[in-house]
Protein backbone atom coordinates (compact mmCIF):
# COMPACT_ATOMS: atom_id res chain seq x y z
CA MET A 1 168.03 95.94 58.61
CA PRO A 2 170.53 95.73 61.48
CA LYS A 3 169.77 97.63 64.67
CA VAL A 4 172.05 99.63 66.94
CA THR A 5 171.20 100.67 70.47
CA TYR A 6 172.73 104.00 71.46
CA ARG A 7 172.90 104.37 75.24
CA SER A 8 173.32 107.90 76.53
CA HIS A 9 175.60 108.71 79.43
CA ASP A 10 172.46 109.15 81.58
CA GLY A 11 171.35 105.56 80.80
CA SER A 12 168.54 106.35 78.36
CA GLU A 13 168.55 104.26 75.19
CA GLN A 14 167.40 104.62 71.61
CA THR A 15 167.45 101.70 69.17
CA VAL A 16 167.52 102.52 65.47
CA ASP A 17 167.80 100.69 62.16
CA VAL A 18 171.15 101.32 60.48
CA LYS A 19 171.51 100.08 56.92
CA ALA A 20 174.30 97.55 56.37
CA GLY A 21 177.38 99.34 55.05
CA THR A 22 176.52 102.53 56.95
CA SER A 23 178.74 103.61 59.84
CA VAL A 24 177.45 103.61 63.40
CA MET A 25 178.29 107.34 63.41
CA LEU A 26 176.15 108.10 60.35
CA GLY A 27 173.34 106.00 61.79
CA ALA A 28 173.36 108.19 64.90
CA LEU A 29 173.43 111.42 62.91
CA THR A 30 170.61 110.30 60.62
CA ALA A 31 168.46 109.33 63.61
CA GLY A 32 169.18 112.58 65.48
CA ILE A 33 170.98 110.87 68.36
CA ASP A 34 172.50 113.44 70.72
CA GLY A 35 176.07 112.79 71.79
CA ILE A 36 177.84 112.18 68.47
CA GLU A 37 179.41 115.37 67.11
CA ALA A 38 181.27 113.94 64.08
CA GLU A 39 183.13 117.17 63.37
CA CYS A 40 185.26 115.59 60.61
CA GLY A 41 182.29 113.95 58.93
CA GLY A 42 183.55 110.43 59.43
CA SER A 43 187.05 110.63 58.00
CA CYS A 44 188.79 109.47 61.21
CA MET A 45 190.41 112.87 61.71
CA CYS A 46 188.89 113.84 65.06
CA ALA A 47 187.59 111.95 68.05
CA THR A 48 184.11 113.44 68.32
CA CYS A 49 182.27 110.22 67.47
CA HIS A 50 183.85 108.29 70.35
CA VAL A 51 181.72 105.47 71.78
CA PHE A 52 182.14 102.68 74.30
CA VAL A 53 181.19 99.36 72.71
CA ASP A 54 179.35 96.87 74.89
CA ASP A 55 181.88 94.17 75.79
CA ALA A 56 179.74 91.42 74.23
CA TRP A 57 180.34 92.98 70.79
CA LEU A 58 184.05 93.79 70.89
CA ASP A 59 185.25 90.55 69.27
CA LYS A 60 182.77 90.99 66.40
CA LEU A 61 184.10 94.39 65.34
CA PRO A 62 186.75 95.01 62.71
CA LYS A 63 190.26 95.22 64.14
CA LEU A 64 191.32 98.61 65.49
CA GLN A 65 193.49 100.30 62.85
CA VAL A 66 196.52 102.49 63.61
CA LEU A 67 194.87 105.82 62.69
CA GLU A 68 191.80 105.11 64.81
CA ASP A 69 194.02 104.06 67.70
CA GLU A 70 195.91 107.36 67.44
CA MET A 71 192.68 109.40 67.31
CA LEU A 72 191.36 107.63 70.41
CA GLU A 73 194.26 109.17 72.35
CA ASP A 74 192.56 112.57 71.90
CA THR A 75 189.05 111.83 73.15
CA ALA A 76 187.36 114.34 75.44
CA CYS A 77 186.38 111.57 77.87
CA GLU A 78 188.98 109.11 79.06
CA ARG A 79 189.66 106.26 76.69
CA GLN A 80 188.68 102.80 77.89
CA ALA A 81 189.47 99.29 76.65
CA ASN A 82 186.15 99.27 74.75
CA SER A 83 186.58 102.72 73.17
CA ARG A 84 186.08 102.99 69.41
CA LEU A 85 185.29 105.69 66.89
CA SER A 86 181.80 105.10 65.57
CA CYS A 87 182.84 106.35 62.11
CA GLN A 88 185.09 103.28 61.82
CA ILE A 89 182.37 100.72 62.57
CA ASP A 90 180.40 99.85 59.46
CA MET A 91 177.19 97.99 60.18
CA THR A 92 176.74 94.45 58.92
CA ASP A 93 174.01 91.89 59.48
CA ASP A 94 176.41 90.20 61.94
CA LEU A 95 176.35 93.36 64.07
CA ASP A 96 172.56 93.40 64.37
CA GLY A 97 171.83 94.32 67.99
CA LEU A 98 175.10 96.22 68.58
CA VAL A 99 175.05 98.33 71.75
CA VAL A 100 177.22 101.43 72.16
CA GLU A 101 177.37 103.89 75.03
CA LEU A 102 177.97 107.55 74.39
CA PRO A 103 180.51 109.35 76.55
CA GLU A 104 179.55 112.25 78.78
CA THR A 105 181.05 114.71 76.30
CA GLN A 106 182.73 114.66 72.89
CA ILE A 107 184.39 118.08 72.94
């Protein structure tokens, strides 16, 4: 099963198994990771599952879609070049080892 490392704003990390086909957001919620609010439940209608993807993984992710790009304009923490919504990243075996950093706040 692919693994994702969630890095908190304070630098602490937690690595969890996330079943292929499951979003990075749902993986965090299932594992009880603090820092992902997911107010819309993963329907790309809020920006409360914002993460910063480790630069080494950016080229391996699905292309940023228009709706996600628009939602990223409304994040609580400033958007960066590596900002993504974790609800829009579905885990695959190719993403095994993915590292995401959680912003200081989501709301």
